[in-house]
Amino acid sequence: MSLPPEGTRYAHASESAARVRAVNTLRALFSSWGYTHVEVPVLEHFDPAHPVAERSFKLTGPDGELLALRSDYTFALAKLVRFNHADAQGTLRLQYSGGLWRTVVPDIARTREFTQVGLELVGVSGARADAELIHLAREAVRAVGLAPRVEVGNPGFVRQLFDLAELTPGLQDLAADAIDRKDQATLQGLLEPLGLAPDLQRALLGVPDLYGDSGTLRAARQLAPWPEAVAACDHLEAVLTEFEDSSELLLDLGMARRLSYYTGVTFRAYTFDFGQPLLGGGRYDGALLPLAAGFAIGLERLLSALPGVTGDAPPIAVSLEDVPARRLRRAGYCVERALTDDVDELRAYAQARDIPYLLLEGGLEPLTPERPEFEQLLSLLGREHA
């Protein structure tokens, strides 16, 4: 038996069922908020400007054209918007789900094939728009049965401090990485040779500690009183006012990843006793579209955070009759269709698989001691207990 290619794997039945349930749950949630499901091609033109071009699987078409497997949804959806909605006015709410392929993804167990579910809010900006995404991020975690904790930041705060310090682009990347990891020792080593003004250096070194509830904003304004930095705090405060209960939200002014891409509020959602983020996203106005924000959920990571992966409901019965079997299926029960009319053989088959009932001649034959759903099944079949 040959193994699948490195970085891919087979999904057994219970895992596959859990994947389908999670995707359907998330799609239904997003639809209830007005997000329309769209699809983009798996096969794309290879673009050296693609954000993960160096990790794309490249293919050569029959005519010699260089192609690639889809490796990033946001980039693909931006193309869809430009192609199908070039003249659209107002807001677009789009959702997606499907596979992505990269040569190596170190933070997802070195898998090459993974699934994302996510959404994009296009054509609008502002605190209400940003809050909508954070609301949905929180509800997405809750919808699959986990307790959410959402960390919210604004890279504009760090960016403004970097501009005031006149850090070079290369140094900005190193400092942003240290801030995002809350590595103050590395950050101090990067800043000390620069001879910054004491108040500015103190502000930069204090950013990793700006983490917590709404009181974090007061601390941030005191630490960095410059108008540009204060404006970033003001926007976060406006976002928080869009929540009746912000107890599941934490502010992180040191959220400084991908400063050249994210232009506004960013966020990551976690659940308790699981150290990795379940989803992440934010506002990226001007990076791919004039006004846009969104988030993506890694399905594999989401499932690994769930306490247990269970399959579809096991069969409640094996049936020799199609009409009563349909009644039970409509009520949500799983009923197998018999593949033999030998009743003794069916009994042996059902008992070997722990299937509790046979459905034959319009009746329900228990194969185990009477179970609590027996009366309900009889009622659905229009029969009474003998």
Protein backbone atom coordinates (compact mmCIF):
# COMPACT_ATOMS: atom_id res chain seq x y z
CA MET A 1 0.00 0.00 0.00
CA SER A 2 1.45 3.35 -1.02
CA LEU A 3 1.36 6.32 1.35
CA PRO A 4 -0.03 9.68 0.15
CA PRO A 5 2.51 12.35 -0.84
CA GLU A 6 4.47 13.98 1.96
CA GLY A 7 2.46 16.66 3.69
CA THR A 8 -0.90 15.08 2.78
CA ARG A 9 -2.89 12.35 4.48
CA TYR A 10 -6.05 10.31 4.41
CA ALA A 11 -8.94 11.41 6.66
CA HIS A 12 -10.84 8.58 8.32
CA ALA A 13 -14.62 8.58 8.43
CA SER A 14 -15.11 10.22 11.83
CA GLU A 15 -12.64 13.01 11.06
CA SER A 16 -14.19 13.59 7.65
CA ALA A 17 -17.64 13.85 9.23
CA ALA A 18 -16.33 16.33 11.80
CA ARG A 19 -14.80 18.43 9.03
CA VAL A 20 -18.07 18.55 7.12
CA ARG A 21 -20.02 19.49 10.25
CA ALA A 22 -17.60 22.28 11.16
CA VAL A 23 -17.60 23.76 7.65
CA ASN A 24 -21.39 23.60 7.39
CA THR A 25 -21.77 25.21 10.83
CA LEU A 26 -19.45 28.08 9.92
CA ARG A 27 -21.01 28.60 6.50
CA ALA A 28 -24.46 28.78 8.06
CA LEU A 29 -23.26 31.30 10.64
CA PHE A 30 -21.67 33.54 8.02
CA SER A 31 -24.74 33.28 5.77
CA SER A 32 -26.95 34.40 8.65
CA TRP A 33 -24.92 37.62 8.75
CA GLY A 34 -25.34 38.21 5.00
CA TYR A 35 -22.08 36.72 3.69
CA THR A 36 -22.49 35.07 0.28
CA HIS A 37 -20.45 31.97 -0.51
CA VAL A 38 -18.20 32.27 -3.56
CA GLU A 39 -15.66 29.99 -5.20
CA VAL A 40 -12.35 30.68 -6.88
CA PRO A 41 -10.30 28.37 -9.12
CA VAL A 42 -7.91 25.83 -7.67
CA LEU A 43 -5.63 26.43 -10.65
CA GLU A 44 -4.20 29.96 -11.01
CA HIS A 45 -1.75 31.82 -13.19
CA PHE A 46 1.56 31.91 -11.37
CA ASP A 47 2.22 35.45 -10.15
CA PRO A 48 5.65 36.36 -8.73
CA ALA A 49 3.92 39.14 -6.75
CA HIS A 50 1.72 36.61 -4.93
CA PRO A 51 2.26 36.88 -1.14
CA VAL A 52 3.35 33.23 -0.91
CA ALA A 53 4.74 32.80 -4.42
CA GLU A 54 7.90 31.16 -3.12
CA ARG A 55 5.80 28.41 -1.47
CA SER A 56 3.37 27.80 -4.33
CA PHE A 57 3.14 24.52 -6.18
CA LYS A 58 4.02 25.41 -9.76
CA LEU A 59 2.81 23.55 -12.84
CA THR A 60 3.40 23.97 -16.54
CA GLY A 61 0.33 23.93 -18.77
CA PRO A 62 0.16 22.19 -22.16
CA ASP A 63 1.03 25.46 -23.89
CA GLY A 64 4.01 26.14 -21.61
CA GLU A 65 2.13 28.61 -19.38
CA LEU A 66 3.32 28.67 -15.77
CA LEU A 67 0.44 27.90 -13.39
CA ALA A 68 0.09 27.36 -9.64
CA LEU A 69 -2.24 25.63 -7.22
CA ARG A 70 -4.30 27.97 -5.05
CA SER A 71 -2.20 28.89 -2.02
CA ASP A 72 -3.98 31.92 -0.51
CA TYR A 73 -7.68 32.78 -0.46
CA THR A 74 -7.48 36.52 0.16
CA PHE A 75 -5.33 37.09 -2.91
CA ALA A 76 -7.70 34.95 -5.01
CA LEU A 77 -10.81 36.72 -3.72
CA ALA A 78 -9.30 40.10 -4.48
CA LYS A 79 -8.99 38.97 -8.10
CA LEU A 80 -12.61 37.79 -8.06
CA VAL A 81 -13.77 41.18 -6.77
CA ARG A 82 -11.77 43.05 -9.40
CA PHE A 83 -13.04 40.75 -12.18
CA ASN A 84 -16.71 40.33 -11.21
CA HIS A 85 -17.44 43.45 -9.15
CA ALA A 86 -15.30 46.14 -10.76
CA ASP A 87 -18.27 48.52 -10.93
CA ALA A 88 -19.90 47.47 -7.66
CA GLN A 89 -20.97 50.24 -5.34
CA GLY A 90 -21.20 49.78 -1.60
CA THR A 91 -20.39 46.74 0.51
CA LEU A 92 -19.61 43.17 -0.49
CA ARG A 93 -19.83 40.40 2.10
CA LEU A 94 -18.14 37.24 0.79
CA GLN A 95 -17.33 33.91 2.41
CA TYR A 96 -15.31 30.94 1.20
CA SER A 97 -14.22 27.44 2.17
CA GLY A 98 -11.88 25.00 0.53
CA GLY A 99 -8.39 23.65 0.16
CA LEU A 100 -5.06 25.43 -0.16
CA TRP A 101 -1.74 23.94 -1.21
CA ARG A 102 1.75 25.13 -0.27
CA THR A 103 5.11 23.43 -0.58
CA VAL A 104 5.61 23.67 3.20
CA VAL A 105 3.53 25.25 5.96
CA PRO A 106 5.68 24.90 9.11
CA ASP A 107 3.05 26.12 11.56
CA ILE A 108 0.42 23.57 10.51
CA ALA A 109 2.40 20.40 11.24
CA ARG A 110 4.34 20.80 8.00
CA THR A 111 1.31 19.92 5.95
CA ARG A 112 1.18 20.82 2.27
CA GLU A 113 -2.59 20.58 1.96
CA PHE A 114 -4.99 22.28 4.34
CA THR A 115 -8.45 23.80 4.49
CA GLN A 116 -9.50 27.34 5.24
CA VAL A 117 -12.90 28.81 5.99
CA GLY A 118 -13.19 32.56 6.06
CA LEU A 119 -14.80 35.75 4.90
CA GLU A 120 -14.03 39.18 3.48
CA LEU A 121 -15.85 42.47 4.05
CA VAL A 122 -15.13 44.65 1.02
CA GLY A 123 -15.87 48.26 0.17
CA VAL A 124 -16.31 49.69 3.65
CA SER A 125 -14.11 50.80 6.53
CA GLY A 126 -14.59 52.18 10.01
CA ALA A 127 -15.17 50.98 13.55
CA ARG A 128 -18.53 49.33 12.85
CA ALA A 129 -17.07 47.31 9.98
CA ASP A 130 -14.09 46.20 12.05
CA ALA A 131 -16.35 45.30 14.95
CA GLU A 132 -18.55 43.15 12.69
CA LEU A 133 -15.59 40.96 11.83
CA ILE A 134 -14.57 40.62 15.47
CA HIS A 135 -18.16 39.74 16.38
CA LEU A 136 -18.10 37.01 13.73
CA ALA A 137 -14.69 35.75 14.76
CA ARG A 138 -15.97 35.33 18.31
CA GLU A 139 -19.20 33.67 17.18
CA ALA A 140 -17.32 31.31 14.84
CA VAL A 141 -15.35 29.87 17.74
CA ARG A 142 -18.49 29.60 19.84
CA ALA A 143 -20.48 27.97 17.03
CA VAL A 144 -18.22 24.91 16.95
CA GLY A 145 -18.52 24.45 20.71
CA LEU A 146 -15.44 26.27 22.03
CA ALA A 147 -15.16 29.22 24.41
CA PRO A 148 -13.70 32.19 22.53
CA ARG A 149 -11.02 34.65 23.55
CA VAL A 150 -10.24 37.30 20.94
CA GLU A 151 -7.12 39.43 21.07
CA VAL A 152 -7.49 42.74 19.24
CA GLY A 153 -4.77 45.17 18.24
CA ASN A 154 -3.99 47.98 15.86
CA PRO A 155 -0.61 47.79 14.10
CA GLY A 156 -1.01 51.49 13.35
CA PHE A 157 0.05 52.17 16.92
CA VAL A 158 3.43 50.45 16.46
CA ARG A 159 3.80 51.79 12.94
CA GLN A 160 3.45 55.38 14.13
CA LEU A 161 6.12 54.85 16.78
CA PHE A 162 8.44 53.35 14.18
CA ASP A 163 7.87 56.37 11.94
CA LEU A 164 8.63 58.75 14.80
CA ALA A 165 11.82 56.77 15.51
CA GLU A 166 12.68 56.80 11.77
CA LEU A 167 13.48 53.09 11.74
CA THR A 168 14.64 51.66 8.42
CA PRO A 169 12.31 49.07 6.80
CA GLY A 170 14.65 46.20 7.67
CA LEU A 171 14.92 47.28 11.28
CA GLN A 172 11.15 47.76 11.44
CA ASP A 173 10.64 44.12 10.46
CA LEU A 174 13.03 42.89 13.17
CA ALA A 175 11.56 45.18 15.84
CA ALA A 176 7.98 44.29 14.88
CA ASP A 177 8.78 40.60 15.18
CA ALA A 178 10.31 41.12 18.63
CA ILE A 179 7.30 43.17 19.77
CA ASP A 180 4.81 40.63 18.46
CA ARG A 181 6.66 37.85 20.32
CA LYS A 182 6.95 40.10 23.40
CA ASP A 183 10.70 39.63 23.33
CA GLN A 184 11.82 42.79 25.13
CA ALA A 185 15.47 41.71 25.39
CA THR A 186 15.81 41.46 21.60
CA LEU A 187 13.87 44.69 21.15
CA GLN A 188 16.15 46.54 23.55
CA GLY A 189 19.21 45.23 21.71
CA LEU A 190 17.82 46.59 18.44
CA LEU A 191 16.93 50.05 19.83
CA GLU A 192 19.84 50.91 22.11
CA PRO A 193 22.39 51.65 19.33
CA LEU A 194 19.99 54.16 17.70
CA GLY A 195 20.29 56.92 20.30
CA LEU A 196 16.53 57.56 20.39
CA ALA A 197 14.97 60.21 22.60
CA PRO A 198 14.36 58.66 26.05
CA ASP A 199 10.57 59.03 25.92
CA LEU A 200 10.37 57.42 22.47
CA GLN A 201 12.63 54.53 23.43
CA ARG A 202 10.66 54.03 26.61
CA ALA A 203 7.43 53.92 24.59
CA LEU A 204 8.78 51.34 22.16
CA LEU A 205 10.15 49.14 24.93
CA GLY A 206 6.83 49.38 26.75
CA VAL A 207 4.67 48.24 23.83
CA PRO A 208 4.93 44.47 24.57
CA ASP A 209 3.36 45.12 28.00
CA LEU A 210 0.31 46.89 26.56
CA TYR A 211 -1.97 43.88 26.91
CA GLY A 212 -5.23 43.46 28.78
CA ASP A 213 -8.69 45.01 29.13
CA SER A 214 -9.87 48.47 28.09
CA GLY A 215 -7.56 50.03 30.66
CA THR A 216 -4.74 49.14 28.28
CA LEU A 217 -5.76 52.10 26.12
CA ARG A 218 -5.25 54.55 28.98
CA ALA A 219 -1.79 53.12 29.57
CA ALA A 220 -0.99 53.32 25.86
CA ARG A 221 -2.00 56.99 25.62
CA GLN A 222 0.16 57.83 28.63
CA LEU A 223 3.13 55.90 27.28
CA ALA A 224 2.81 57.29 23.74
CA PRO A 225 1.03 60.67 23.85
CA TRP A 226 1.86 61.61 20.26
CA PRO A 227 -1.25 62.35 18.14
CA GLU A 228 -0.55 59.63 15.58
CA ALA A 229 -0.34 56.91 18.25
CA VAL A 230 -3.31 58.29 20.17
CA ALA A 231 -5.41 58.12 16.98
CA ALA A 232 -4.75 54.36 16.76
CA CYS A 233 -5.95 53.99 20.36
CA ASP A 234 -9.04 56.08 19.62
CA HIS A 235 -10.01 53.73 16.79
CA LEU A 236 -9.70 50.68 19.04
CA GLU A 237 -11.85 52.39 21.64
CA ALA A 238 -14.49 53.08 18.99
CA VAL A 239 -14.47 49.40 18.04
CA LEU A 240 -14.97 48.34 21.67
CA THR A 241 -18.05 50.54 21.98
CA GLU A 242 -19.71 48.30 19.36
CA PHE A 243 -19.87 45.44 21.89
CA GLU A 244 -22.50 45.16 24.61
CA ASP A 245 -20.17 42.72 26.36
CA SER A 246 -16.47 42.95 25.62
CA SER A 247 -15.43 40.53 28.37
CA GLU A 248 -14.19 37.98 25.82
CA LEU A 249 -11.98 40.59 24.14
CA LEU A 250 -8.43 41.43 25.12
CA LEU A 251 -6.41 44.32 23.73
CA ASP A 252 -2.87 43.77 22.51
CA LEU A 253 -1.16 46.95 21.31
CA GLY A 254 1.92 44.86 20.56
CA MET A 255 0.17 42.93 17.80
CA ALA A 256 2.62 43.97 15.13
CA ARG A 257 2.74 41.19 12.56
CA ARG A 258 2.88 42.02 8.85
CA LEU A 259 3.04 45.78 9.30
CA SER A 260 3.45 46.32 5.57
CA TYR A 261 0.18 44.45 4.89
CA TYR A 262 -2.27 45.20 7.68
CA THR A 263 -3.35 48.83 7.81
CA GLY A 264 -5.85 48.81 10.67
CA VAL A 265 -7.36 46.64 13.36
CA THR A 266 -6.06 43.06 13.52
CA PHE A 267 -7.22 40.20 15.71
CA ARG A 268 -6.58 36.59 16.63
CA ALA A 269 -9.05 34.20 18.26
CA TYR A 270 -8.07 31.55 20.78
CA THR A 271 -9.80 29.12 23.07
CA PHE A 272 -8.76 28.08 26.55
CA ASP A 273 -6.13 25.38 27.05
CA PHE A 274 -5.06 25.57 23.41
CA GLY A 275 -2.04 27.75 22.79
CA GLN A 276 -2.31 28.42 19.07
CA PRO A 277 -4.69 30.88 17.37
CA LEU A 278 -7.74 29.32 15.71
CA LEU A 279 -8.19 32.20 13.30
CA GLY A 280 -6.61 35.51 12.41
CA GLY A 281 -7.27 38.52 10.25
CA GLY A 282 -7.72 42.25 10.09
CA ARG A 283 -7.93 45.28 7.86
CA TYR A 284 -5.70 45.53 4.80
CA ASP A 285 -6.97 48.64 2.97
CA GLY A 286 -4.92 49.31 -0.13
CA ALA A 287 -2.89 46.11 0.00
CA LEU A 288 -5.08 44.15 -2.44
CA LEU A 289 -8.29 46.20 -2.58
CA PRO A 290 -9.05 49.85 -1.70
CA LEU A 291 -11.16 48.95 1.35
CA ALA A 292 -11.18 45.41 2.68
CA ALA A 293 -10.86 43.32 5.83
CA GLY A 294 -11.40 39.68 6.69
CA PHE A 295 -10.25 36.64 8.57
CA ALA A 296 -9.42 33.00 7.91
CA ILE A 297 -9.93 29.89 10.03
CA GLY A 298 -7.55 26.95 9.72
CA LEU A 299 -9.92 23.99 9.80
CA GLU A 300 -7.30 21.44 10.84
CA ARG A 301 -6.21 23.54 13.79
CA LEU A 302 -9.82 24.24 14.78
CA LEU A 303 -10.61 20.52 14.86
CA SER A 304 -7.49 19.75 16.87
CA ALA A 305 -8.74 22.17 19.54
CA LEU A 306 -12.05 20.35 19.91
CA PRO A 307 -12.20 17.92 22.84
CA GLY A 308 -13.04 14.94 20.63
CA VAL A 309 -13.74 14.20 16.98
CA THR A 310 -16.82 12.09 16.48
CA GLY A 311 -18.29 10.70 13.31
CA ASP A 312 -21.78 10.83 11.86
CA ALA A 313 -24.58 9.31 13.89
CA PRO A 314 -24.38 5.49 13.74
CA PRO A 315 -27.24 3.60 12.06
CA ILE A 316 -30.31 3.18 14.23
CA ALA A 317 -31.70 0.44 12.01
CA VAL A 318 -31.24 -1.74 8.96
CA SER A 319 -34.32 -1.71 6.76
CA LEU A 320 -35.89 -4.02 4.21
CA GLU A 321 -38.56 -1.39 3.44
CA ASP A 322 -37.92 1.95 1.80
CA VAL A 323 -41.02 3.94 2.79
CA PRO A 324 -40.73 3.63 6.60
CA ALA A 325 -36.95 4.07 6.33
CA ARG A 326 -37.52 7.44 4.65
CA ARG A 327 -39.74 8.51 7.56
CA LEU A 328 -36.97 7.84 10.04
CA ARG A 329 -34.33 9.54 7.88
CA ARG A 330 -36.51 12.65 7.59
CA ALA A 331 -36.60 12.72 11.38
CA GLY A 332 -32.81 12.73 11.49
CA TYR A 333 -32.05 9.06 12.07
CA CYS A 334 -29.50 7.09 10.07
CA VAL A 335 -31.05 3.99 8.50
CA GLU A 336 -29.12 1.55 6.35
CA ARG A 337 -30.82 -0.17 3.42
CA ALA A 338 -30.58 -3.93 3.61
CA LEU A 339 -28.50 -5.55 0.90
CA THR A 340 -30.02 -8.98 1.42
CA ASP A 341 -33.54 -10.23 2.11
CA ASP A 342 -32.29 -13.01 4.37
CA VAL A 343 -33.60 -11.88 7.76
CA ASP A 344 -31.32 -14.16 9.77
CA GLU A 345 -28.32 -12.81 7.89
CA LEU A 346 -29.52 -9.24 8.53
CA ARG A 347 -29.88 -9.92 12.27
CA ALA A 348 -26.33 -11.25 12.44
CA TYR A 349 -25.04 -8.26 10.43
CA ALA A 350 -26.83 -5.70 12.61
CA GLN A 351 -25.76 -7.33 15.88
CA ALA A 352 -22.13 -7.48 14.72
CA ARG A 353 -22.24 -3.72 14.08
CA ASP A 354 -24.24 -2.81 17.21
CA ILE A 355 -27.21 -1.60 15.15
CA PRO A 356 -30.13 -1.79 17.59
CA TYR A 357 -33.13 -2.39 15.26
CA LEU A 358 -34.35 -4.17 12.16
CA LEU A 359 -37.07 -2.47 10.13
CA LEU A 360 -39.18 -5.02 8.29
CA GLU A 361 -42.84 -5.45 7.36
CA GLY A 362 -43.53 -1.97 8.71
CA GLY A 363 -42.43 -3.00 12.17
CA LEU A 364 -39.39 -2.38 14.32
CA GLU A 365 -37.61 -5.40 15.75
CA PRO A 366 -35.30 -4.61 18.67
CA LEU A 367 -32.02 -6.48 18.68
CA THR A 368 -30.89 -5.12 22.06
CA PRO A 369 -32.67 -4.40 25.34
CA GLU A 370 -35.30 -1.68 24.87
CA ARG A 371 -33.76 1.75 24.36
CA PRO A 372 -35.19 5.20 25.21
CA GLU A 373 -35.88 6.15 21.58
CA PHE A 374 -38.03 3.05 20.88
CA GLU A 375 -41.41 4.71 21.51
CA GLN A 376 -40.44 7.73 19.40
CA LEU A 377 -39.40 5.50 16.51
CA LEU A 378 -42.70 3.62 16.68
CA SER A 379 -44.58 6.93 16.69
CA LEU A 380 -42.69 8.10 13.60
CA LEU A 381 -43.63 4.84 11.89
CA GLY A 382 -47.28 5.30 12.87
CA ARG A 383 -47.27 2.23 15.09
CA GLU A 384 -47.88 1.58 18.77
CA HIS A 385 -45.98 -0.52 21.25
CA ALA A 386 -47.39 -4.04 21.24
